[in-house]
């Protein structure tokens, strides 16, 4: 029997000086830049703000720092440290 898992997709993204905010079906999730990647942790705020969510919602691309991350693995790698965004 084949196992079918649903891909983890973001509906939108936001950037703040402190974190990447993933807008998920279940609500927003804040991931500190240092938990995203070493390259993004070192990037300037302007470089971080130039993020593009793929049309499918599967991945995020930062052209100014040449970084690409998939949403699912990003959430898994940061699961011990992400926190819901406080409005």
Protein backbone atom coordinates (compact mmCIF):
# COMPACT_ATOMS: atom_id res chain seq x y z
CA UNK A 1 0.00 0.00 0.00
CA UNK A 2 1.32 3.42 -0.91
CA UNK A 3 1.39 6.16 1.72
CA UNK A 4 0.12 9.55 0.61
CA UNK A 5 1.16 12.60 2.52
CA UNK A 6 -0.01 16.09 1.83
CA UNK A 7 2.76 18.58 1.06
CA UNK A 8 3.26 21.40 3.53
CA UNK A 9 2.40 24.63 1.73
CA UNK A 10 2.42 28.25 2.79
CA UNK A 11 -0.35 30.61 1.74
CA UNK A 12 1.87 33.70 2.07
CA UNK A 13 5.04 34.95 3.73
CA UNK A 14 6.01 38.07 5.63
CA UNK A 15 9.40 39.29 6.79
CA UNK A 16 10.34 41.21 9.90
CA UNK A 17 13.79 42.25 11.13
CA UNK A 18 13.70 39.30 13.56
CA UNK A 19 11.91 36.50 11.70
CA UNK A 20 10.31 34.93 8.68
CA UNK A 21 6.53 34.64 9.10
CA UNK A 22 4.90 31.74 7.27
CA UNK A 23 1.17 32.14 6.76
CA UNK A 24 -0.13 28.59 6.93
CA UNK A 25 -3.64 27.16 6.72
CA UNK A 26 -3.56 26.81 10.49
CA UNK A 27 -2.31 30.36 11.06
CA UNK A 28 0.96 32.30 11.06
CA UNK A 29 4.22 30.77 12.25
CA UNK A 30 7.26 32.89 13.14
CA UNK A 31 10.73 31.41 12.54
CA UNK A 32 13.77 33.43 13.68
CA UNK A 33 16.22 34.09 10.84
CA UNK A 34 19.01 32.19 12.58
CA UNK A 35 16.78 29.09 12.47
CA UNK A 36 16.10 29.46 8.74
CA UNK A 37 19.64 29.20 7.39
CA UNK A 38 23.11 30.52 8.05
CA UNK A 39 22.98 32.56 4.84
CA UNK A 40 19.71 34.25 5.82
CA UNK A 41 20.96 34.87 9.35
CA UNK A 42 23.87 36.87 7.88
CA UNK A 43 21.76 38.67 5.24
CA UNK A 44 20.67 42.29 5.56
CA UNK A 45 17.06 43.19 6.21
CA UNK A 46 16.69 44.41 2.61
CA UNK A 47 18.05 41.10 1.28
CA UNK A 48 15.60 39.17 3.47
CA UNK A 49 12.60 41.26 2.39
CA UNK A 50 13.15 40.32 -1.26
CA UNK A 51 11.67 36.86 -0.72
CA UNK A 52 9.34 35.24 -3.24
CA UNK A 53 6.95 32.43 -2.38
CA UNK A 54 6.57 29.95 -5.22
CA UNK A 55 3.11 29.89 -6.87
CA UNK A 56 2.49 26.44 -5.37
CA UNK A 57 3.42 27.62 -1.86
CA UNK A 58 6.04 24.87 -1.59
CA UNK A 59 9.23 26.94 -1.61
CA UNK A 60 10.69 30.37 -0.93
CA UNK A 61 13.42 32.08 -2.99
CA UNK A 62 15.65 34.96 -1.90
CA UNK A 63 17.28 36.19 -5.14
CA UNK A 64 19.61 38.71 -3.47
CA UNK A 65 21.25 36.01 -1.34
CA UNK A 66 20.72 33.10 -3.76
CA UNK A 67 18.87 31.02 -1.17
CA UNK A 68 16.00 28.57 -1.74
CA UNK A 69 14.16 26.78 1.05
CA UNK A 70 11.21 24.39 0.99
CA UNK A 71 8.45 25.21 3.48
CA UNK A 72 8.01 21.69 4.90
CA UNK A 73 11.67 21.03 5.76
CA UNK A 74 12.00 24.59 7.06
CA UNK A 75 9.17 23.98 9.52
CA UNK A 76 10.58 20.60 10.55
CA UNK A 77 14.08 21.94 11.08
CA UNK A 78 12.72 24.81 13.15
CA UNK A 79 9.98 22.89 14.96
CA UNK A 80 11.67 23.17 18.33
CA UNK A 81 11.91 26.94 18.07
CA UNK A 82 9.04 28.35 16.02
CA UNK A 83 6.35 30.28 17.80
CA UNK A 84 2.93 31.46 16.74
CA UNK A 85 2.91 35.09 15.66
CA UNK A 86 1.30 37.38 18.21
CA UNK A 87 -1.06 39.96 16.67
